[in-house]
Amino acid sequence: MARRKTIEFAESAVVDLEDIRDWYADQQAPAVGKRLVGEVVAQTERLAEFPESGRIVPEFGLANLREIIYPPFRIVYRVDVVRIWIIRVWRSERLLKVPGSDD
């Protein structure tokens, strides 16, 4: 049986979640922002037992770089030996930029 992994949020993902919360607060809907941030975090909980349940990020094609699509967000994470790193939380229509590309 596979060992349960620890879930950690990288600073970049924490900043993304704070930005989401702040944006909704600026729109006079702080409760919506708080709810969405909570829902995003809840979506990551399954990764402790099912780390490969998200799809491989198409822009990179790396087996250990995956994402959960939770409209309107993309929750991008990296699978390591003992931990899951939540890397970014972005709007789902946003494409990741591949390093070294000129796009």
PDB file of N, CA and C in Angstrom:
ATOM      1  N   MET A   1       0.843  -1.193   0.000  1.00  0.00           N
ATOM      2  CA  MET A   1       0.000   0.000   0.000  1.00  0.00           C
ATOM      3  C   MET A   1       0.884   1.251   0.000  1.00  0.00           C
ATOM      4  N   ALA A   2       0.536   2.196  -0.832  1.00  0.00           N
ATOM      5  CA  ALA A   2       1.321   3.426  -0.943  1.00  0.00           C
ATOM      6  C   ALA A   2       1.175   4.278   0.321  1.00  0.00           C
ATOM      7  N   ARG A   3       2.232   4.947   0.653  1.00  0.00           N
ATOM      8  CA  ARG A   3       2.259   5.822   1.832  1.00  0.00           C
ATOM      9  C   ARG A   3       1.508   7.118   1.538  1.00  0.00           C
ATOM     10  N   ARG A   4       0.737   7.571   2.499  1.00  0.00           N
ATOM     11  CA  ARG A   4      -0.003   8.837   2.380  1.00  0.00           C
ATOM     12  C   ARG A   4       1.000   9.985   2.310  1.00  0.00           C
ATOM     13  N   LYS A   5       0.800  10.896   1.375  1.00  0.00           N
ATOM     14  CA  LYS A   5       1.719  12.015   1.187  1.00  0.00           C
ATOM     15  C   LYS A   5       1.236  13.246   1.963  1.00  0.00           C
ATOM     16  N   THR A   6       2.182  14.081   2.329  1.00  0.00           N
ATOM     17  CA  THR A   6       1.898  15.356   2.972  1.00  0.00           C
ATOM     18  C   THR A   6       1.608  16.385   1.881  1.00  0.00           C
ATOM     19  N   ILE A   7       0.662  17.269   2.129  1.00  0.00           N
ATOM     20  CA  ILE A   7       0.346  18.337   1.179  1.00  0.00           C
ATOM     21  C   ILE A   7       0.902  19.644   1.724  1.00  0.00           C
ATOM     22  N   GLU A   8       1.667  20.335   0.893  1.00  0.00           N
ATOM     23  CA  GLU A   8       2.251  21.626   1.282  1.00  0.00           C
ATOM     24  C   GLU A   8       1.926  22.653   0.198  1.00  0.00           C
ATOM     25  N   PHE A   9       1.751  23.893   0.608  1.00  0.00           N
ATOM     26  CA  PHE A   9       1.494  24.981  -0.326  1.00  0.00           C
ATOM     27  C   PHE A   9       2.757  25.812  -0.474  1.00  0.00           C
ATOM     28  N   ALA A  10       3.238  25.924  -1.703  1.00  0.00           N
ATOM     29  CA  ALA A  10       4.377  26.791  -1.989  1.00  0.00           C
ATOM     30  C   ALA A  10       3.944  28.244  -1.789  1.00  0.00           C
ATOM     31  N   GLU A  11       4.916  29.108  -1.544  1.00  0.00           N
ATOM     32  CA  GLU A  11       4.612  30.528  -1.341  1.00  0.00           C
ATOM     33  C   GLU A  11       3.837  31.104  -2.526  1.00  0.00           C
ATOM     34  N   SER A  12       4.175  30.674  -3.742  1.00  0.00           N
ATOM     35  CA  SER A  12       3.476  31.173  -4.931  1.00  0.00           C
ATOM     36  C   SER A  12       1.987  30.826  -4.891  1.00  0.00           C
ATOM     37  N   ALA A  13       1.637  29.638  -4.408  1.00  0.00           N
ATOM     38  CA  ALA A  13       0.232  29.240  -4.317  1.00  0.00           C
ATOM     39  C   ALA A  13      -0.483  30.017  -3.210  1.00  0.00           C
ATOM     40  N   VAL A  14       0.214  30.252  -2.113  1.00  0.00           N
ATOM     41  CA  VAL A  14      -0.375  31.041  -1.019  1.00  0.00           C
ATOM     42  C   VAL A  14      -0.678  32.455  -1.508  1.00  0.00           C
ATOM     43  N   VAL A  15       0.246  33.036  -2.253  1.00  0.00           N
ATOM     44  CA  VAL A  15       0.029  34.379  -2.812  1.00  0.00           C
ATOM     45  C   VAL A  15      -1.155  34.355  -3.774  1.00  0.00           C
ATOM     46  N   ASP A  16      -1.254  33.314  -4.602  1.00  0.00           N
ATOM     47  CA  ASP A  16      -2.394  33.196  -5.523  1.00  0.00           C
ATOM     48  C   ASP A  16      -3.710  33.166  -4.750  1.00  0.00           C
ATOM     49  N   LEU A  17      -3.769  32.379  -3.675  1.00  0.00           N
ATOM     50  CA  LEU A  17      -4.993  32.295  -2.874  1.00  0.00           C
ATOM     51  C   LEU A  17      -5.311  33.625  -2.205  1.00  0.00           C
ATOM     52  N   GLU A  18      -4.296  34.310  -1.718  1.00  0.00           N
ATOM     53  CA  GLU A  18      -4.517  35.639  -1.123  1.00  0.00           C
ATOM     54  C   GLU A  18      -5.030  36.617  -2.170  1.00  0.00           C
ATOM     55  N   ASP A  19      -4.485  36.534  -3.381  1.00  0.00           N
ATOM     56  CA  ASP A  19      -4.938  37.419  -4.470  1.00  0.00           C
ATOM     57  C   ASP A  19      -6.395  37.151  -4.832  1.00  0.00           C
ATOM     58  N   ILE A  20      -6.784  35.886  -4.838  1.00  0.00           N
ATOM     59  CA  ILE A  20      -8.186  35.529  -5.117  1.00  0.00           C
ATOM     60  C   ILE A  20      -9.085  36.130  -4.044  1.00  0.00           C
ATOM     61  N   ARG A  21      -8.719  35.903  -2.801  1.00  0.00           N
ATOM     62  CA  ARG A  21      -9.504  36.439  -1.677  1.00  0.00           C
ATOM     63  C   ARG A  21      -9.597  37.958  -1.758  1.00  0.00           C
ATOM     64  N   ASP A  22      -8.459  38.609  -2.021  1.00  0.00           N
ATOM     65  CA  ASP A  22      -8.433  40.073  -2.081  1.00  0.00           C
ATOM     66  C   ASP A  22      -9.252  40.610  -3.248  1.00  0.00           C
ATOM     67  N   TRP A  23      -9.223  39.937  -4.383  1.00  0.00           N
ATOM     68  CA  TRP A  23      -9.970  40.397  -5.548  1.00  0.00           C
ATOM     69  C   TRP A  23     -11.464  40.405  -5.238  1.00  0.00           C
ATOM     70  N   TYR A  24     -11.941  39.330  -4.630  1.00  0.00           N
ATOM     71  CA  TYR A  24     -13.362  39.288  -4.286  1.00  0.00           C
ATOM     72  C   TYR A  24     -13.706  40.319  -3.213  1.00  0.00           C
ATOM     73  N   ALA A  25     -12.800  40.566  -2.297  1.00  0.00           N
ATOM     74  CA  ALA A  25     -13.034  41.611  -1.293  1.00  0.00           C
ATOM     75  C   ALA A  25     -13.152  42.969  -1.974  1.00  0.00           C
ATOM     76  N   ASP A  26     -12.301  43.223  -2.969  1.00  0.00           N
ATOM     77  CA  ASP A  26     -12.368  44.486  -3.722  1.00  0.00           C
ATOM     78  C   ASP A  26     -13.671  44.609  -4.503  1.00  0.00           C
ATOM     79  N   GLN A  27     -14.272  43.475  -4.853  1.00  0.00           N
ATOM     80  CA  GLN A  27     -15.538  43.465  -5.591  1.00  0.00           C
ATOM     81  C   GLN A  27     -16.745  43.500  -4.645  1.00  0.00           C
ATOM     82  N   GLN A  28     -16.463  43.767  -3.370  1.00  0.00           N
ATOM     83  CA  GLN A  28     -17.495  43.828  -2.335  1.00  0.00           C
ATOM     84  C   GLN A  28     -18.165  42.469  -2.098  1.00  0.00           C
ATOM     85  N   ALA A  29     -17.401  41.386  -2.305  1.00  0.00           N
ATOM     86  CA  ALA A  29     -17.921  40.031  -2.083  1.00  0.00           C
ATOM     87  C   ALA A  29     -16.897  39.197  -1.301  1.00  0.00           C
ATOM     88  N   PRO A  30     -16.485  39.667  -0.116  1.00  0.00           N
ATOM     89  CA  PRO A  30     -15.451  38.941   0.631  1.00  0.00           C
ATOM     90  C   PRO A  30     -15.862  37.520   1.007  1.00  0.00           C
ATOM     91  N   ALA A  31     -17.139  37.291   1.255  1.00  0.00           N
ATOM     92  CA  ALA A  31     -17.590  35.939   1.612  1.00  0.00           C
ATOM     93  C   ALA A  31     -17.382  34.969   0.449  1.00  0.00           C
ATOM     94  N   VAL A  32     -17.569  35.452  -0.772  1.00  0.00           N
ATOM     95  CA  VAL A  32     -17.355  34.607  -1.952  1.00  0.00           C
ATOM     96  C   VAL A  32     -15.882  34.231  -2.059  1.00  0.00           C
ATOM     97  N   GLY A  33     -15.004  35.199  -1.871  1.00  0.00           N
ATOM     98  CA  GLY A  33     -13.572  34.925  -1.931  1.00  0.00           C
ATOM     99  C   GLY A  33     -13.142  33.926  -0.876  1.00  0.00           C
ATOM    100  N   LYS A  34     -13.632  34.100   0.331  1.00  0.00           N
ATOM    101  CA  LYS A  34     -13.292  33.182   1.423  1.00  0.00           C
ATOM    102  C   LYS A  34     -13.802  31.773   1.102  1.00  0.00           C
ATOM    103  N   ARG A  35     -15.028  31.681   0.590  1.00  0.00           N
ATOM    104  CA  ARG A  35     -15.605  30.377   0.245  1.00  0.00           C
ATOM    105  C   ARG A  35     -14.811  29.691  -0.851  1.00  0.00           C
ATOM    106  N   LEU A  36     -14.460  30.443  -1.910  1.00  0.00           N
ATOM    107  CA  LEU A  36     -13.706  29.859  -3.020  1.00  0.00           C
ATOM    108  C   LEU A  36     -12.328  29.379  -2.588  1.00  0.00           C
ATOM    109  N   VAL A  37     -11.652  30.150  -1.766  1.00  0.00           N
ATOM    110  CA  VAL A  37     -10.335  29.733  -1.265  1.00  0.00           C
ATOM    111  C   VAL A  37     -10.482  28.436  -0.470  1.00  0.00           C
ATOM    112  N   GLY A  38     -11.489  28.351   0.375  1.00  0.00           N
ATOM    113  CA  GLY A  38     -11.739  27.130   1.133  1.00  0.00           C
ATOM    114  C   GLY A  38     -12.029  25.941   0.239  1.00  0.00           C
ATOM    115  N   GLU A  39     -12.788  26.162  -0.830  1.00  0.00           N
ATOM    116  CA  GLU A  39     -13.103  25.085  -1.762  1.00  0.00           C
ATOM    117  C   GLU A  39     -11.861  24.622  -2.517  1.00  0.00           C
ATOM    118  N   VAL A  40     -11.009  25.560  -2.903  1.00  0.00           N
ATOM    119  CA  VAL A  40      -9.768  25.200  -3.593  1.00  0.00           C
ATOM    120  C   VAL A  40      -8.899  24.337  -2.677  1.00  0.00           C
ATOM    121  N   VAL A  41      -8.745  24.755  -1.440  1.00  0.00           N
ATOM    122  CA  VAL A  41      -7.941  23.977  -0.483  1.00  0.00           C
ATOM    123  C   VAL A  41      -8.559  22.590  -0.298  1.00  0.00           C
ATOM    124  N   ALA A  42      -9.876  22.517  -0.180  1.00  0.00           N
ATOM    125  CA  ALA A  42     -10.547  21.227  -0.010  1.00  0.00           C
ATOM    126  C   ALA A  42     -10.300  20.298  -1.200  1.00  0.00           C
ATOM    127  N   GLN A  43     -10.213  20.865  -2.400  1.00  0.00           N
ATOM    128  CA  GLN A  43      -9.954  20.052  -3.596  1.00  0.00           C
ATOM    129  C   GLN A  43      -8.598  19.359  -3.529  1.00  0.00           C
ATOM    130  N   THR A  44      -7.651  19.936  -2.810  1.00  0.00           N
ATOM    131  CA  THR A  44      -6.306  19.365  -2.751  1.00  0.00           C
ATOM    132  C   THR A  44      -6.201  18.206  -1.763  1.00  0.00           C
ATOM    133  N   GLU A  45      -7.148  18.071  -0.861  1.00  0.00           N
ATOM    134  CA  GLU A  45      -7.051  17.075   0.203  1.00  0.00           C
ATOM    135  C   GLU A  45      -6.976  15.645  -0.320  1.00  0.00           C
ATOM    136  N   ARG A  46      -7.644  15.352  -1.417  1.00  0.00           N
ATOM    137  CA  ARG A  46      -7.623  13.991  -1.968  1.00  0.00           C
ATOM    138  C   ARG A  46      -6.237  13.581  -2.453  1.00  0.00           C
ATOM    139  N   LEU A  47      -5.393  14.578  -2.738  1.00  0.00           N
ATOM    140  CA  LEU A  47      -4.067  14.288  -3.283  1.00  0.00           C
ATOM    141  C   LEU A  47      -3.179  13.534  -2.302  1.00  0.00           C
ATOM    142  N   ALA A  48      -3.448  13.629  -1.011  1.00  0.00           N
ATOM    143  CA  ALA A  48      -2.650  12.913  -0.016  1.00  0.00           C
ATOM    144  C   ALA A  48      -2.699  11.406  -0.271  1.00  0.00           C
ATOM    145  N   GLU A  49      -3.843  10.901  -0.690  1.00  0.00           N
ATOM    146  CA  GLU A  49      -3.995   9.473  -0.970  1.00  0.00           C
ATOM    147  C   GLU A  49      -3.978   9.150  -2.457  1.00  0.00           C
ATOM    148  N   PHE A  50      -4.361  10.108  -3.278  1.00  0.00           N
ATOM    149  CA  PHE A  50      -4.449   9.882  -4.723  1.00  0.00           C
ATOM    150  C   PHE A  50      -3.673  10.963  -5.479  1.00  0.00           C
ATOM    151  N   PRO A  51      -2.356  10.967  -5.349  1.00  0.00           N
ATOM    152  CA  PRO A  51      -1.553  12.057  -5.918  1.00  0.00           C
ATOM    153  C   PRO A  51      -1.598  12.148  -7.445  1.00  0.00           C
ATOM    154  N   GLU A  52      -1.922  11.078  -8.106  1.00  0.00           N
ATOM    155  CA  GLU A  52      -1.963  11.107  -9.567  1.00  0.00           C
ATOM    156  C   GLU A  52      -3.383  11.276 -10.101  1.00  0.00           C
ATOM    157  N   SER A  53      -4.298  11.709  -9.237  1.00  0.00           N
ATOM    158  CA  SER A  53      -5.684  11.874  -9.675  1.00  0.00           C
ATOM    159  C   SER A  53      -5.886  13.091 -10.567  1.00  0.00           C
ATOM    160  N   GLY A  54      -4.978  14.050 -10.514  1.00  0.00           N
ATOM    161  CA  GLY A  54      -5.047  15.196 -11.419  1.00  0.00           C
ATOM    162  C   GLY A  54      -4.415  14.841 -12.759  1.00  0.00           C
ATOM    163  N   ARG A  55      -4.762  15.608 -13.765  1.00  0.00           N
ATOM    164  CA  ARG A  55      -4.176  15.335 -15.089  1.00  0.00           C
ATOM    165  C   ARG A  55      -2.785  15.949 -15.190  1.00  0.00           C
ATOM    166  N   ILE A  56      -1.987  15.399 -16.088  1.00  0.00           N
ATOM    167  CA  ILE A  56      -0.672  15.969 -16.376  1.00  0.00           C
ATOM    168  C   ILE A  56      -0.885  17.339 -17.014  1.00  0.00           C
ATOM    169  N   VAL A  57      -0.123  18.334 -16.589  1.00  0.00           N
ATOM    170  CA  VAL A  57      -0.257  19.688 -17.140  1.00  0.00           C
ATOM    171  C   VAL A  57       0.151  19.640 -18.614  1.00  0.00           C
ATOM    172  N   PRO A  58      -0.778  19.921 -19.528  1.00  0.00           N
ATOM    173  CA  PRO A  58      -0.496  19.754 -20.960  1.00  0.00           C
ATOM    174  C   PRO A  58       0.658  20.603 -21.486  1.00  0.00           C
ATOM    175  N   GLU A  59       0.865  21.779 -20.905  1.00  0.00           N
ATOM    176  CA  GLU A  59       1.931  22.639 -21.402  1.00  0.00           C
ATOM    177  C   GLU A  59       3.322  22.069 -21.147  1.00  0.00           C
ATOM    178  N   PHE A  60       3.443  21.160 -20.190  1.00  0.00           N
ATOM    179  CA  PHE A  60       4.756  20.621 -19.829  1.00  0.00           C
ATOM    180  C   PHE A  60       4.914  19.140 -20.136  1.00  0.00           C
ATOM    181  N   GLY A  61       3.861  18.355 -19.969  1.00  0.00           N
ATOM    182  CA  GLY A  61       3.930  16.932 -20.266  1.00  0.00           C
ATOM    183  C   GLY A  61       4.796  16.129 -19.303  1.00  0.00           C
ATOM    184  N   LEU A  62       4.987  16.607 -18.075  1.00  0.00           N
ATOM    185  CA  LEU A  62       5.794  15.909 -17.071  1.00  0.00           C
ATOM    186  C   LEU A  62       4.879  15.131 -16.133  1.00  0.00           C
ATOM    187  N   ALA A  63       5.194  13.857 -15.900  1.00  0.00           N
ATOM    188  CA  ALA A  63       4.331  13.007 -15.082  1.00  0.00           C
ATOM    189  C   ALA A  63       4.177  13.502 -13.654  1.00  0.00           C
ATOM    190  N   ASN A  64       5.176  14.201 -13.126  1.00  0.00           N
ATOM    191  CA  ASN A  64       5.080  14.656 -11.737  1.00  0.00           C
ATOM    192  C   ASN A  64       4.518  16.075 -11.599  1.00  0.00           C
ATOM    193  N   LEU A  65       4.168  16.715 -12.700  1.00  0.00           N
ATOM    194  CA  LEU A  65       3.562  18.048 -12.666  1.00  0.00           C
ATOM    195  C   LEU A  65       2.121  17.911 -13.154  1.00  0.00           C
ATOM    196  N   ARG A  66       1.193  18.059 -12.230  1.00  0.00           N
ATOM    197  CA  ARG A  66      -0.212  17.766 -12.512  1.00  0.00           C
ATOM    198  C   ARG A  66      -1.105  18.930 -12.111  1.00  0.00           C
ATOM    199  N   GLU A  67      -2.371  18.807 -12.456  1.00  0.00           N
ATOM    200  CA  GLU A  67      -3.315  19.860 -12.097  1.00  0.00           C
ATOM    201  C   GLU A  67      -4.699  19.288 -11.859  1.00  0.00           C
ATOM    202  N   ILE A  68      -5.404  19.986 -11.000  1.00  0.00           N
ATOM    203  CA  ILE A  68      -6.820  19.733 -10.783  1.00  0.00           C
ATOM    204  C   ILE A  68      -7.545  20.913 -11.412  1.00  0.00           C
ATOM    205  N   ILE A  69      -8.519  20.623 -12.222  1.00  0.00           N
ATOM    206  CA  ILE A  69      -9.357  21.694 -12.770  1.00  0.00           C
ATOM    207  C   ILE A  69     -10.581  21.803 -11.863  1.00  0.00           C
ATOM    208  N   TYR A  70     -10.706  22.948 -11.232  1.00  0.00           N
ATOM    209  CA  TYR A  70     -11.851  23.249 -10.380  1.00  0.00           C
ATOM    210  C   TYR A  70     -12.356  24.617 -10.837  1.00  0.00           C
ATOM    211  N   PRO A  71     -13.248  24.610 -11.821  1.00  0.00           N
ATOM    212  CA  PRO A  71     -13.667  25.870 -12.437  1.00  0.00           C
ATOM    213  C   PRO A  71     -14.057  26.934 -11.416  1.00  0.00           C
ATOM    214  N   PRO A  72     -13.543  28.139 -11.595  1.00  0.00           N
ATOM    215  CA  PRO A  72     -12.755  28.621 -12.733  1.00  0.00           C
ATOM    216  C   PRO A  72     -11.245  28.542 -12.501  1.00  0.00           C
ATOM    217  N   PHE A  73     -10.774  27.597 -11.694  1.00  0.00           N
ATOM    218  CA  PHE A  73      -9.361  27.562 -11.328  1.00  0.00           C
ATOM    219  C   PHE A  73      -8.630  26.315 -11.805  1.00  0.00           C
ATOM    220  N   ARG A  74      -7.323  26.483 -11.994  1.00  0.00           N
ATOM    221  CA  ARG A  74      -6.377  25.390 -12.223  1.00  0.00           C
ATOM    222  C   ARG A  74      -5.506  25.335 -10.978  1.00  0.00           C
ATOM    223  N   ILE A  75      -5.487  24.188 -10.330  1.00  0.00           N
ATOM    224  CA  ILE A  75      -4.658  23.993  -9.144  1.00  0.00           C
ATOM    225  C   ILE A  75      -3.479  23.137  -9.590  1.00  0.00           C
ATOM    226  N   VAL A  76      -2.327  23.761  -9.755  1.00  0.00           N
ATOM    227  CA  VAL A  76      -1.149  23.087 -10.299  1.00  0.00           C
ATOM    228  C   VAL A  76      -0.294  22.585  -9.136  1.00  0.00           C
ATOM    229  N   TYR A  77       0.105  21.310  -9.229  1.00  0.00           N
ATOM    230  CA  TYR A  77       0.888  20.727  -8.149  1.00  0.00           C
ATOM    231  C   TYR A  77       1.981  19.808  -8.672  1.00  0.00           C
ATOM    232  N   ARG A  78       2.988  19.590  -7.821  1.00  0.00           N
ATOM    233  CA  ARG A  78       4.109  18.712  -8.157  1.00  0.00           C
ATOM    234  C   ARG A  78       4.108  17.537  -7.179  1.00  0.00           C
ATOM    235  N   VAL A  79       4.259  16.345  -7.721  1.00  0.00           N
ATOM    236  CA  VAL A  79       4.303  15.142  -6.901  1.00  0.00           C
ATOM    237  C   VAL A  79       5.763  14.803  -6.621  1.00  0.00           C
ATOM    238  N   ASP A  80       6.132  14.801  -5.333  1.00  0.00           N
ATOM    239  CA  ASP A  80       7.461  14.384  -4.903  1.00  0.00           C
ATOM    240  C   ASP A  80       7.337  13.040  -4.181  1.00  0.00           C
ATOM    241  N   VAL A  81       8.429  12.518  -3.713  1.00  0.00           N
ATOM    242  CA  VAL A  81       8.427  11.197  -3.080  1.00  0.00           C
ATOM    243  C   VAL A  81       7.496  11.124  -1.873  1.00  0.00           C
ATOM    244  N   VAL A  82       7.569  12.090  -0.977  1.00  0.00           N
ATOM    245  CA  VAL A  82       6.754  12.045   0.241  1.00  0.00           C
ATOM    246  C   VAL A  82       5.767  13.192   0.360  1.00  0.00           C
ATOM    247  N   ARG A  83       5.770  14.103  -0.613  1.00  0.00           N
ATOM    248  CA  ARG A  83       4.922  15.279  -0.465  1.00  0.00           C
ATOM    249  C   ARG A  83       4.343  15.721  -1.799  1.00  0.00           C
ATOM    250  N   ILE A  84       3.241  16.425  -1.667  1.00  0.00           N
ATOM    251  CA  ILE A  84       2.590  17.092  -2.799  1.00  0.00           C
ATOM    252  C   ILE A  84       2.785  18.583  -2.569  1.00  0.00           C
ATOM    253  N   TRP A  85       3.370  19.247  -3.544  1.00  0.00           N
ATOM    254  CA  TRP A  85       3.557  20.709  -3.470  1.00  0.00           C
ATOM    255  C   TRP A  85       2.506  21.382  -4.339  1.00  0.00           C
ATOM    256  N   ILE A  86       1.613  22.132  -3.723  1.00  0.00           N
ATOM    257  CA  ILE A  86       0.668  22.946  -4.492  1.00  0.00           C
ATOM    258  C   ILE A  86       1.477  24.161  -4.931  1.00  0.00           C
ATOM    259  N   ILE A  87       1.606  24.337  -6.249  1.00  0.00           N
ATOM    260  CA  ILE A  87       2.506  25.351  -6.787  1.00  0.00           C
ATOM    261  C   ILE A  87       1.773  26.642  -7.161  1.00  0.00           C
ATOM    262  N   ARG A  88       0.670  26.515  -7.877  1.00  0.00           N
ATOM    263  CA  ARG A  88      -0.062  27.706  -8.345  1.00  0.00           C
ATOM    264  C   ARG A  88      -1.560  27.422  -8.335  1.00  0.00           C
ATOM    265  N   VAL A  89      -2.329  28.492  -8.206  1.00  0.00           N
ATOM    266  CA  VAL A  89      -3.780  28.438  -8.351  1.00  0.00           C
ATOM    267  C   VAL A  89      -4.143  29.588  -9.278  1.00  0.00           C
ATOM    268  N   TRP A  90      -4.511  29.223 -10.506  1.00  0.00           N
ATOM    269  CA  TRP A  90      -4.785  30.231 -11.536  1.00  0.00           C
ATOM    270  C   TRP A  90      -6.170  30.049 -12.123  1.00  0.00           C
ATOM    271  N   ARG A  91      -6.632  31.097 -12.792  1.00  0.00           N
ATOM    272  CA  ARG A  91      -7.868  30.987 -13.568  1.00  0.00           C
ATOM    273  C   ARG A  91      -7.678  29.889 -14.605  1.00  0.00           C
ATOM    274  N   SER A  92      -8.683  29.083 -14.826  1.00  0.00           N
ATOM    275  CA  SER A  92      -8.538  27.901 -15.682  1.00  0.00           C
ATOM    276  C   SER A  92      -8.266  28.230 -17.145  1.00  0.00           C
ATOM    277  N   GLU A  93      -8.636  29.406 -17.598  1.00  0.00           N
ATOM    278  CA  GLU A  93      -8.375  29.741 -19.003  1.00  0.00           C
ATOM    279  C   GLU A  93      -6.940  30.221 -19.233  1.00  0.00           C
ATOM    280  N   ARG A  94      -6.217  30.456 -18.170  1.00  0.00           N
ATOM    281  CA  ARG A  94      -4.843  30.947 -18.291  1.00  0.00           C
ATOM    282  C   ARG A  94      -3.900  29.796 -18.643  1.00  0.00           C
ATOM    283  N   LEU A  95      -3.064  30.001 -19.639  1.00  0.00           N
ATOM    284  CA  LEU A  95      -2.079  28.988 -20.031  1.00  0.00           C
ATOM    285  C   LEU A  95      -0.779  29.235 -19.296  1.00  0.00           C
ATOM    286  N   LEU A  96      -0.144  28.151 -18.908  1.00  0.00           N
ATOM    287  CA  LEU A  96       1.188  28.260 -18.297  1.00  0.00           C
ATOM    288  C   LEU A  96       2.195  28.526 -19.391  1.00  0.00           C
ATOM    289  N   LYS A  97       3.182  29.316 -19.094  1.00  0.00           N
ATOM    290  CA  LYS A  97       4.238  29.585 -20.062  1.00  0.00           C
ATOM    291  C   LYS A  97       5.386  28.616 -19.842  1.00  0.00           C
ATOM    292  N   VAL A  98       5.772  27.965 -20.902  1.00  0.00           N
ATOM    293  CA  VAL A  98       6.890  27.038 -20.838  1.00  0.00           C
ATOM    294  C   VAL A  98       8.181  27.844 -20.825  1.00  0.00           C
ATOM    295  N   PRO A  99       9.070  27.597 -19.829  1.00  0.00           N
ATOM    296  CA  PRO A  99      10.321  28.358 -19.778  1.00  0.00           C
ATOM    297  C   PRO A  99      11.105  28.223 -21.079  1.00  0.00           C
ATOM    298  N   GLY A 100      11.647  29.347 -21.551  1.00  0.00           N
ATOM    299  CA  GLY A 100      12.433  29.351 -22.770  1.00  0.00           C
ATOM    300  C   GLY A 100      11.627  29.553 -24.041  1.00  0.00           C
ATOM    301  N   SER A 101      10.278  29.578 -23.911  1.00  0.00           N
ATOM    302  CA  SER A 101       9.470  29.821 -25.112  1.00  0.00           C
ATOM    303  C   SER A 101       9.313  31.327 -25.297  1.00  0.00           C
ATOM    304  N   ASP A 102       9.128  31.749 -26.520  1.00  0.00           N
ATOM    305  CA  ASP A 102       8.991  33.172 -26.821  1.00  0.00           C
ATOM    306  C   ASP A 102       7.544  33.619 -26.914  1.00  0.00           C
ATOM    307  N   ASP A 103       6.594  32.738 -26.604  1.00  0.00           N
ATOM    308  CA  ASP A 103       5.171  33.082 -26.704  1.00  0.00           C
ATOM    309  C   ASP A 103       4.748  34.040 -25.639  1.00  0.00           C
TER     310      ASP A 103
END
